[in-house]
C-alpha atoms as a PDB file:
ATOM      1  CA  MET A   1     169.492 113.305   3.121  1.00  0.00           C
ATOM      2  CA  SER A   2     171.837 116.715   1.521  1.00  0.00           C
ATOM      3  CA  LEU A   3     174.619 117.739   3.341  1.00  0.00           C
ATOM      4  CA  ASP A   4     172.367 121.420   3.668  1.00  0.00           C
ATOM      5  CA  ASP A   5     169.995 119.264   5.294  1.00  0.00           C
ATOM      6  CA  LEU A   6     171.936 117.790   7.188  1.00  0.00           C
ATOM      7  CA  LYS A   7     173.515 120.572   8.578  1.00  0.00           C
ATOM      8  CA  GLN A   8     169.906 122.389   9.185  1.00  0.00           C
ATOM      9  CA  GLN A   9     168.919 119.171  11.467  1.00  0.00           C
ATOM     10  CA  ARG A  10     171.980 119.943  13.198  1.00  0.00           C
ATOM     11  CA  ALA A  11     171.965 123.242  14.565  1.00  0.00           C
ATOM     12  CA  ILE A  12     168.374 122.644  14.883  1.00  0.00           C
ATOM     13  CA  THR A  13     169.233 120.262  17.659  1.00  0.00           C
ATOM     14  CA  LYS A  14     172.038 122.345  19.139  1.00  0.00           C
ATOM     15  CA  LYS A  15     169.948 125.215  19.339  1.00  0.00           C
ATOM     16  CA  ASN A  16     167.661 122.525  21.802  1.00  0.00           C
ATOM     17  CA  ILE A  17     170.806 121.866  23.982  1.00  0.00           C
ATOM     18  CA  SER A  18     171.448 124.682  24.238  1.00  0.00           C
ATOM     19  CA  ARG A  19     168.274 126.243  25.441  1.00  0.00           C
ATOM     20  CA  ILE A  20     168.754 123.232  27.847  1.00  0.00           C
ATOM     21  CA  LYS A  21     172.148 125.187  29.136  1.00  0.00           C
ATOM     22  CA  THR A  22     170.218 128.862  29.190  1.00  0.00           C
ATOM     23  CA  VAL A  23     167.513 126.914  31.838  1.00  0.00           C
ATOM     24  CA  ILE A  24     170.894 125.116  33.747  1.00  0.00           C
ATOM     25  CA  GLY A  25     172.736 128.465  34.015  1.00  0.00           C
ATOM     26  CA  ALA A  26     169.479 130.145  35.277  1.00  0.00           C
ATOM     27  CA  ASN A  27     168.816 127.564  37.968  1.00  0.00           C
ATOM     28  CA  ALA A  28     172.242 127.803  39.451  1.00  0.00           C
ATOM     29  CA  LYS A  29     171.912 131.223  39.462  1.00  0.00           C
ATOM     30  CA  GLY A  30     168.685 131.112  41.495  1.00  0.00           C
ATOM     31  CA  GLU A  31     166.762 132.494  38.604  1.00  0.00           C
ATOM     32  CA  GLY A  32     163.618 132.211  37.308  1.00  0.00           C
ATOM     33  CA  LYS A  33     161.208 128.284  38.967  1.00  0.00           C
ATOM     34  CA  SER A  34     163.901 126.401  40.686  1.00  0.00           C
ATOM     35  CA  LEU A  35     164.459 122.701  39.403  1.00  0.00           C
ATOM     36  CA  SER A  36     164.228 119.887  41.816  1.00  0.00           C
ATOM     37  CA  ALA A  37     166.178 117.473  41.921  1.00  0.00           C
ATOM     38  CA  ALA A  38     163.441 114.990  39.681  1.00  0.00           C
ATOM     39  CA  GLU A  39     163.452 117.965  36.653  1.00  0.00           C
ATOM     40  CA  LEU A  40     167.715 117.921  36.581  1.00  0.00           C
ATOM     41  CA  LYS A  41     167.599 114.365  36.449  1.00  0.00           C
ATOM     42  CA  CYS A  42     164.891 115.219  33.406  1.00  0.00           C
ATOM     43  CA  ARG A  43     166.748 117.391  31.654  1.00  0.00           C
ATOM     44  CA  LEU A  44     169.884 115.388  32.300  1.00  0.00           C
ATOM     45  CA  GLY A  45     167.665 112.368  30.134  1.00  0.00           C
ATOM     46  CA  ILE A  46     166.582 115.208  27.640  1.00  0.00           C
ATOM     47  CA  LEU A  47     170.188 116.080  27.173  1.00  0.00           C
ATOM     48  CA  ASP A  48     171.589 112.378  25.941  1.00  0.00           C
ATOM     49  CA  SER A  49     169.009 112.348  24.229  1.00  0.00           C
ATOM     50  CA  TYR A  50     169.365 115.199  22.257  1.00  0.00           C
ATOM     51  CA  PHE A  51     173.521 114.108  22.126  1.00  0.00           C
ATOM     52  CA  LYS A  52     173.182 110.835  21.285  1.00  0.00           C
ATOM     53  CA  GLN A  53     170.652 112.207  17.988  1.00  0.00           C
ATOM     54  CA  ILE A  54     173.490 114.561  17.289  1.00  0.00           C
ATOM     55  CA  LEU A  55     176.410 112.790  17.080  1.00  0.00           C
ATOM     56  CA  SER A  56     174.054 110.798  14.528  1.00  0.00           C
ATOM     57  CA  VAL A  57     173.270 113.473  12.339  1.00  0.00           C
ATOM     58  CA  GLN A  58     177.176 114.896  12.788  1.00  0.00           C
ATOM     59  CA  ASN A  59     178.485 110.920  11.487  1.00  0.00           C
ATOM     60  CA  LYS A  60     176.693 111.486   8.091  1.00  0.00           C
ATOM     61  CA  ILE A  61     177.858 114.944   7.835  1.00  0.00           C
ATOM     62  CA  GLU A  62     181.398 113.835   8.411  1.00  0.00           C
ATOM     63  CA  ASN A  63     180.419 110.608   6.153  1.00  0.00           C
ATOM     64  CA  ILE A  64     180.059 113.401   2.839  1.00  0.00           C
ATOM     65  CA  ASP A  65     182.447 116.517   3.924  1.00  0.00           C
ATOM     66  CA  PRO A  66     185.154 115.105   6.667  1.00  0.00           C
ATOM     67  CA  ASP A  67     186.813 118.478   6.951  1.00  0.00           C
ATOM     68  CA  ASP A  68     183.605 119.461   8.906  1.00  0.00           C
ATOM     69  CA  ASN A  69     184.686 119.990  12.103  1.00  0.00           C
ATOM     70  CA  GLY A  70     181.529 120.680  14.034  1.00  0.00           C
ATOM     71  CA  ARG A  71     182.371 117.650  16.476  1.00  0.00           C
ATOM     72  CA  ALA A  72     184.310 119.560  19.177  1.00  0.00           C
ATOM     73  CA  ASP A  73     181.927 121.987  19.511  1.00  0.00           C
ATOM     74  CA  ILE A  74     179.294 119.361  19.825  1.00  0.00           C
ATOM     75  CA  GLU A  75     181.242 118.159  23.041  1.00  0.00           C
ATOM     76  CA  ASP A  76     181.977 120.608  24.455  1.00  0.00           C
ATOM     77  CA  LEU A  77     178.788 121.559  24.731  1.00  0.00           C
ATOM     78  CA  TYR A  78     177.204 118.572  26.084  1.00  0.00           C
ATOM     79  CA  CYS A  79     179.957 117.974  28.572  1.00  0.00           C
ATOM     80  CA  TYR A  80     179.437 121.759  29.680  1.00  0.00           C
ATOM     81  CA  ILE A  81     176.168 121.220  30.446  1.00  0.00           C
ATOM     82  CA  ASN A  82     176.253 117.543  32.141  1.00  0.00           C
ATOM     83  CA  SER A  83     179.069 118.430  34.278  1.00  0.00           C
ATOM     84  CA  GLN A  84     176.660 121.825  35.570  1.00  0.00           C
ATOM     85  CA  ILE A  85     173.447 119.474  36.116  1.00  0.00           C
ATOM     86  CA  GLN A  86     175.798 116.834  37.631  1.00  0.00           C
ATOM     87  CA  HIS A  87     177.362 120.070  40.310  1.00  0.00           C
ATOM     88  CA  GLN A  88     173.621 120.819  40.824  1.00  0.00           C
ATOM     89  CA  LEU A  89     172.173 117.396  41.648  1.00  0.00           C
ATOM     90  CA  VAL A  90     174.977 116.695  44.557  1.00  0.00           C
ATOM     91  CA  GLU A  91     174.235 120.467  45.943  1.00  0.00           C
ATOM     92  CA  ASP A  92     170.764 119.559  45.899  1.00  0.00           C
ATOM     93  CA  GLY A  93     171.361 116.342  48.045  1.00  0.00           C
ATOM     94  CA  HIS A  94     173.487 118.105  50.231  1.00  0.00           C
ATOM     95  CA  ASN A  95     171.376 121.792  50.890  1.00  0.00           C
ATOM     96  CA  THR A  96     167.864 121.318  51.749  1.00  0.00           C
ATOM     97  CA  THR A  97     166.302 124.341  52.189  1.00  0.00           C
ATOM     98  CA  PHE A  98     163.173 124.518  55.166  1.00  0.00           C
ATOM     99  CA  ALA A  99     160.767 124.888  51.946  1.00  0.00           C
ATOM    100  CA  GLU A 100     161.476 122.032  50.620  1.00  0.00           C
ATOM    101  CA  SER A 101     161.787 120.266  53.912  1.00  0.00           C
ATOM    102  CA  SER A 102     158.383 121.462  54.902  1.00  0.00           C
ATOM    103  CA  PHE A 103     156.876 120.014  51.287  1.00  0.00           C
ATOM    104  CA  ALA A 104     158.114 116.822  51.965  1.00  0.00           C
ATOM    105  CA  ILE A 105     154.908 115.201  52.701  1.00  0.00           C
ATOM    106  CA  ALA A 106     152.940 117.348  50.452  1.00  0.00           C
ATOM    107  CA  VAL A 107     154.433 116.283  47.469  1.00  0.00           C
ATOM    108  CA  PRO A 108     155.528 112.664  48.250  1.00  0.00           C
ATOM    109  CA  SER A 109     156.068 111.763  44.200  1.00  0.00           C
ATOM    110  CA  ASN A 110     159.106 113.282  45.229  1.00  0.00           C
ATOM    111  CA  LYS A 111     160.525 110.474  46.962  1.00  0.00           C
ATOM    112  CA  LEU A 112     159.559 107.571  44.728  1.00  0.00           C
ATOM    113  CA  PRO A 113     161.713 105.680  42.109  1.00  0.00           C
ATOM    114  CA  ARG A 114     162.135 107.266  38.701  1.00  0.00           C
ATOM    115  CA  LEU A 115     160.358 105.358  36.650  1.00  0.00           C
ATOM    116  CA  LYS A 116     161.331 103.711  33.293  1.00  0.00           C
ATOM    117  CA  LEU A 117     160.207 104.827  30.015  1.00  0.00           C
ATOM    118  CA  PRO A 118     157.985 102.062  28.304  1.00  0.00           C
ATOM    119  CA  SER A 119     159.055 100.233  25.557  1.00  0.00           C
ATOM    120  CA  PHE A 120     157.003  99.179  22.398  1.00  0.00           C
ATOM    121  CA  ASN A 121     158.128  97.186  19.286  1.00  0.00           C
ATOM    122  CA  GLY A 122     154.486  96.947  17.482  1.00  0.00           C
ATOM    123  CA  LYS A 123     153.158  94.380  18.792  1.00  0.00           C
ATOM    124  CA  TYR A 124     149.337  94.968  18.620  1.00  0.00           C
ATOM    125  CA  SER A 125     148.476  94.057  21.846  1.00  0.00           C
ATOM    126  CA  GLU A 126     150.930  95.884  23.892  1.00  0.00           C
ATOM    127  CA  TYR A 127     150.010  99.243  22.351  1.00  0.00           C
ATOM    128  CA  LYS A 128     147.251 100.527  24.910  1.00  0.00           C
ATOM    129  CA  ASN A 129     149.754  99.761  27.479  1.00  0.00           C
ATOM    130  CA  PHE A 130     152.657 101.534  25.887  1.00  0.00           C
ATOM    131  CA  ILE A 131     150.731 104.561  24.710  1.00  0.00           C
ATOM    132  CA  ASN A 132     148.837 105.138  28.157  1.00  0.00           C
ATOM    133  CA  SER A 133     152.178 104.368  30.130  1.00  0.00           C
ATOM    134  CA  PHE A 134     154.003 107.312  27.286  1.00  0.00           C
ATOM    135  CA  LYS A 135     151.261 109.564  27.933  1.00  0.00           C
ATOM    136  CA  GLN A 136     151.511 109.452  31.778  1.00  0.00           C
ATOM    137  CA  ILE A 137     155.286 109.623  31.597  1.00  0.00           C
ATOM    138  CA  ILE A 138     156.668 111.855  29.315  1.00  0.00           C
ATOM    139  CA  ASP A 139     152.930 113.255  27.177  1.00  0.00           C
ATOM    140  CA  ARG A 140     151.407 114.991  29.966  1.00  0.00           C
ATOM    141  CA  GLU A 141     155.110 116.870  31.330  1.00  0.00           C
ATOM    142  CA  HIS A 142     153.936 120.033  30.527  1.00  0.00           C
ATOM    143  CA  GLY A 143     157.803 121.118  31.133  1.00  0.00           C
ATOM    144  CA  LEU A 144     158.743 119.390  27.536  1.00  0.00           C
ATOM    145  CA  SER A 145     158.758 120.323  24.265  1.00  0.00           C
ATOM    146  CA  ASN A 146     157.274 118.541  21.554  1.00  0.00           C
ATOM    147  CA  ILE A 147     160.601 118.217  19.951  1.00  0.00           C
ATOM    148  CA  GLU A 148     161.904 116.427  23.676  1.00  0.00           C
ATOM    149  CA  LYS A 149     158.817 114.550  23.418  1.00  0.00           C
ATOM    150  CA  PHE A 150     159.370 113.339  20.312  1.00  0.00           C
ATOM    151  CA  ASN A 151     162.547 112.450  21.115  1.00  0.00           C
ATOM    152  CA  HIS A 152     161.290 110.399  23.862  1.00  0.00           C
ATOM    153  CA  LEU A 153     158.917 108.879  21.677  1.00  0.00           C
ATOM    154  CA  LEU A 154     161.688 107.471  19.083  1.00  0.00           C
ATOM    155  CA  ASN A 155     163.996 105.800  21.422  1.00  0.00           C
ATOM    156  CA  CYS A 156     160.498 104.279  23.123  1.00  0.00           C
ATOM    157  CA  LEU A 157     159.825 102.838  19.538  1.00  0.00           C
ATOM    158  CA  HIS A 158     162.070  99.860  18.027  1.00  0.00           C
ATOM    159  CA  GLY A 159     161.193  97.036  15.159  1.00  0.00           C
ATOM    160  CA  HIS A 160     158.044  97.919  13.009  1.00  0.00           C
ATOM    161  CA  ALA A 161     156.342 100.888  15.339  1.00  0.00           C
ATOM    162  CA  LEU A 162     159.991 102.534  14.533  1.00  0.00           C
ATOM    163  CA  GLU A 163     159.508 102.184  11.342  1.00  0.00           C
ATOM    164  CA  THR A 164     155.658 103.720  11.359  1.00  0.00           C
ATOM    165  CA  VAL A 165     156.732 106.960  12.282  1.00  0.00           C
ATOM    166  CA  LYS A 166     160.722 107.866  11.455  1.00  0.00           C
ATOM    167  CA  ALA A 167     160.050 109.129   8.063  1.00  0.00           C
ATOM    168  CA  PHE A 168     158.674 112.232  10.436  1.00  0.00           C
ATOM    169  CA  GLN A 169     160.965 115.172  11.034  1.00  0.00           C
ATOM    170  CA  VAL A 170     161.796 115.606  14.527  1.00  0.00           C
ATOM    171  CA  THR A 171     159.266 118.983  14.648  1.00  0.00           C
ATOM    172  CA  ASN A 172     157.095 120.473  16.958  1.00  0.00           C
ATOM    173  CA  GLU A 173     154.224 120.333  14.548  1.00  0.00           C
ATOM    174  CA  ASN A 174     155.068 116.483  13.699  1.00  0.00           C
ATOM    175  CA  TYR A 175     154.706 115.378  16.971  1.00  0.00           C
ATOM    176  CA  PRO A 176     150.879 115.289  17.731  1.00  0.00           C
ATOM    177  CA  LYS A 177     150.984 113.422  13.960  1.00  0.00           C
ATOM    178  CA  ALA A 178     153.704 110.846  14.694  1.00  0.00           C
ATOM    179  CA  LEU A 179     151.314 110.079  18.241  1.00  0.00           C
ATOM    180  CA  GLU A 180     148.151 110.093  15.397  1.00  0.00           C
ATOM    181  CA  ARG A 181     150.180 108.030  12.955  1.00  0.00           C
ATOM    182  CA  LEU A 182     150.773 105.446  15.898  1.00  0.00           C
ATOM    183  CA  LYS A 183     147.202 105.351  16.822  1.00  0.00           C
ATOM    184  CA  THR A 184     146.255 104.528  13.462  1.00  0.00           C
ATOM    185  CA  ARG A 185     148.200 101.777  12.950  1.00  0.00           C
ATOM    186  CA  TYR A 186     148.167 100.002  15.869  1.00  0.00           C
ATOM    187  CA  ASP A 187     144.719 101.187  18.003  1.00  0.00           C
ATOM    188  CA  ASN A 188     142.532  98.336  16.267  1.00  0.00           C
ATOM    189  CA  SER A 189     140.327  96.243  17.925  1.00  0.00           C
ATOM    190  CA  THR A 190     140.180  93.898  15.731  1.00  0.00           C
ATOM    191  CA  LEU A 191     143.489  93.113  15.546  1.00  0.00           C
ATOM    192  CA  ILE A 192     144.731  92.992  19.371  1.00  0.00           C
ATOM    193  CA  PHE A 193     141.518  90.654  19.848  1.00  0.00           C
ATOM    194  CA  MET A 194     143.011  88.609  17.284  1.00  0.00           C
ATOM    195  CA  GLU A 195     146.479  88.966  18.740  1.00  0.00           C
ATOM    196  CA  ASN A 196     145.137  88.489  22.472  1.00  0.00           C
ATOM    197  CA  ILE A 197     143.084  84.977  21.060  1.00  0.00           C
ATOM    198  CA  SER A 198     147.006  84.138  19.146  1.00  0.00           C
ATOM    199  CA  THR A 199     148.541  84.907  22.497  1.00  0.00           C
ATOM    200  CA  LEU A 200     146.125  82.282  24.249  1.00  0.00           C
ATOM    201  CA  PHE A 201     146.914  79.259  22.453  1.00  0.00           C
ATOM    202  CA  ASP A 202     150.642  79.987  21.850  1.00  0.00           C
ATOM    203  CA  LEU A 203     150.840  79.447  25.775  1.00  0.00           C
ATOM    204  CA  PRO A 204     153.084  76.685  27.017  1.00  0.00           C
ATOM    205  CA  ASP A 205     151.796  73.042  26.930  1.00  0.00           C
ATOM    206  CA  VAL A 206     151.861  71.281  30.519  1.00  0.00           C
ATOM    207  CA  SER A 207     153.159  67.901  30.344  1.00  0.00           C
ATOM    208  CA  LYS A 208     152.971  66.985  33.338  1.00  0.00           C
ATOM    209  CA  PRO A 209     150.621  67.500  36.990  1.00  0.00           C
ATOM    210  CA  SER A 210     153.180  70.613  38.162  1.00  0.00           C
ATOM    211  CA  SER A 211     151.364  73.166  40.757  1.00  0.00           C
ATOM    212  CA  GLY A 212     153.641  75.589  39.658  1.00  0.00           C
ATOM    213  CA  GLN A 213     153.320  75.611  35.587  1.00  0.00           C
ATOM    214  CA  LEU A 214     149.028  75.105  36.106  1.00  0.00           C
ATOM    215  CA  ARG A 215     149.358  77.644  37.655  1.00  0.00           C
ATOM    216  CA  SER A 216     150.985  80.125  35.225  1.00  0.00           C
ATOM    217  CA  LEU A 217     148.971  78.415  32.687  1.00  0.00           C
ATOM    218  CA  VAL A 218     145.602  79.720  34.966  1.00  0.00           C
ATOM    219  CA  ASP A 219     147.007  83.163  35.809  1.00  0.00           C
ATOM    220  CA  ASN A 220     148.214  83.749  32.266  1.00  0.00           C
ATOM    221  CA  VAL A 221     144.512  82.552  30.520  1.00  0.00           C
ATOM    222  CA  SER A 222     143.126  84.691  33.141  1.00  0.00           C
ATOM    223  CA  ALA A 223     145.025  87.809  32.196  1.00  0.00           C
ATOM    224  CA  LEU A 224     144.175  87.239  28.604  1.00  0.00           C
ATOM    225  CA  TYR A 225     140.704  86.665  29.108  1.00  0.00           C
ATOM    226  CA  SER A 226     140.140  89.889  30.940  1.00  0.00           C
ATOM    227  CA  SER A 227     141.985  91.815  28.240  1.00  0.00           C
ATOM    228  CA  LEU A 228     139.509  90.485  25.654  1.00  0.00           C
ATOM    229  CA  GLN A 229     136.373  91.456  28.003  1.00  0.00           C
ATOM    230  CA  SER A 230     137.459  94.935  27.059  1.00  0.00           C
ATOM    231  CA  LEU A 231     137.278  94.159  23.380  1.00  0.00           C
ATOM    232  CA  GLY A 232     134.471  91.685  22.558  1.00  0.00           C
ATOM    233  CA  SER A 233     131.374  90.789  23.832  1.00  0.00           C
ATOM    234  CA  PRO A 234     131.512  87.278  26.258  1.00  0.00           C
ATOM    235  CA  THR A 235     129.281  85.296  23.357  1.00  0.00           C
ATOM    236  CA  ASP A 236     131.806  86.510  20.940  1.00  0.00           C
ATOM    237  CA  ILE A 237     134.876  85.518  23.082  1.00  0.00           C
ATOM    238  CA  ILE A 238     133.570  81.882  23.975  1.00  0.00           C
ATOM    239  CA  THR A 239     132.248  81.029  19.964  1.00  0.00           C
ATOM    240  CA  ILE A 240     136.049  81.841  18.983  1.00  0.00           C
ATOM    241  CA  LEU A 241     137.296  79.991  21.586  1.00  0.00           C
ATOM    242  CA  VAL A 242     135.349  76.965  21.180  1.00  0.00           C
ATOM    243  CA  ASN A 243     136.204  76.938  17.875  1.00  0.00           C
ATOM    244  CA  LEU A 244     139.628  77.551  18.280  1.00  0.00           C
ATOM    245  CA  THR A 245     140.242  75.149  20.904  1.00  0.00           C
ATOM    246  CA  LYS A 246     138.441  72.485  18.990  1.00  0.00           C
ATOM    247  CA  ASN A 247     140.908  72.734  16.401  1.00  0.00           C
ATOM    248  CA  TYR A 248     143.900  72.981  18.452  1.00  0.00           C
ATOM    249  CA  ARG A 249     142.618  69.995  19.989  1.00  0.00           C
ATOM    250  CA  ASN A 250     142.486  67.860  16.650  1.00  0.00           C
ATOM    251  CA  MET A 251     146.161  69.388  15.569  1.00  0.00           C
ATOM    252  CA  VAL A 252     147.495  67.151  19.325  1.00  0.00           C
ATOM    253  CA  ILE A 253     145.950  64.562  18.047  1.00  0.00           C
ATOM    254  CA  LEU A 254     146.821  64.145  15.223  1.00  0.00           C
ATOM    255  CA  SER A 255     150.507  65.152  15.871  1.00  0.00           C
ATOM    256  CA  ARG A 256     150.079  62.156  18.316  1.00  0.00           C
ATOM    257  CA  ALA A 257     152.494  64.097  20.377  1.00  0.00           C
ATOM    258  CA  PRO A 258     153.191  62.102  23.806  1.00  0.00           C
ATOM    259  CA  ASN A 259     152.897  63.658  27.599  1.00  0.00           C
ATOM    260  CA  VAL A 260     150.608  67.031  26.268  1.00  0.00           C
ATOM    261  CA  PHE A 261     147.720  68.332  28.906  1.00  0.00           C
ATOM    262  CA  VAL A 262     145.515  70.536  26.738  1.00  0.00           C
ATOM    263  CA  PRO A 263     143.173  71.747  28.957  1.00  0.00           C
ATOM    264  CA  SER A 264     139.594  72.783  27.298  1.00  0.00           C
ATOM    265  CA  VAL A 265     138.305  76.616  28.542  1.00  0.00           C
ATOM    266  CA  PRO A 266     135.493  75.045  30.430  1.00  0.00           C
ATOM    267  CA  ASN A 267     138.122  72.691  33.191  1.00  0.00           C
ATOM    268  CA  LEU A 268     140.340  75.963  33.443  1.00  0.00           C
ATOM    269  CA  ILE A 269     137.955  77.114  35.769  1.00  0.00           C
ATOM    270  CA  ILE A 270     138.167  73.769  37.531  1.00  0.00           C
ATOM    271  CA  ILE A 271     141.985  73.582  37.516  1.00  0.00           C
ATOM    272  CA  SER A 272     141.627  77.225  39.312  1.00  0.00           C
ATOM    273  CA  HIS A 273     139.930  75.279  42.211  1.00  0.00           C
ATOM    274  CA  ASN A 274     142.348  72.123  42.266  1.00  0.00           C
ATOM    275  CA  VAL A 275     146.165  73.584  41.963  1.00  0.00           C
ATOM    276  CA  ASN A 276     146.398  73.968  45.726  1.00  0.00           C
ATOM    277  CA  ALA A 277     145.582  70.630  46.343  1.00  0.00           C
ATOM    278  CA  LEU A 278     149.084  69.923  43.955  1.00  0.00           C
ATOM    279  CA  ARG A 279     151.173  71.837  46.504  1.00  0.00           C
ATOM    280  CA  THR A 280     153.326  70.556  48.980  1.00  0.00           C
END
């Protein structure tokens, strides 16, 4: 990326940070929509995300042009906005108005703990859980611009998943394209099905009749089987499990692994009913 491209990216990110400054300033003056504590904290999280992004760009600029003096302005702007948000959060905690109190029961979500953003590293079987949580927390938040949502998305992705979308420039237009790229890459029922099957046979072996280990095995198998039911018919699942179980048990016999207990799928039902009998 050229120096001009980097400076343009810095300018765009700085403009987004300045927009947060405008919103926070208006809230301090009582102009426009009043921001709740939850909204202020959300803005603070977005500010931190932008700050990390712009510092990364600034480092690249300074590698090309050591005399660039943009860092001081960025740091001053961030510190000012951060302190303003922190100050308003303190005031919000000590000055609850009658109107806010009267709606405390009607809007209990303000009392709920802040949801942690999900993460995704490219494991097919975890894609649906990730994208459903991300859309619930970030994508459906009407107060966020697409650029802000895109930055949250990038912060949630790791490994191969991040590689899938990192070539996109962070723009409003590219945010839905990045989501569609992830969907095309990871919303693959066949690969999700086979990965769940693989996970099933990667479960730890039970080497002795332990109630805790057996309960853990049954719980994990039950959860995986329920996931498989949403992806394939019971006949498909049983056919694959029976074939793989035969091969897996043969591998155990050939390896002569000592004291390894490998239950067949039908026997898991019996195990589930008798696990509690082992508890003391």
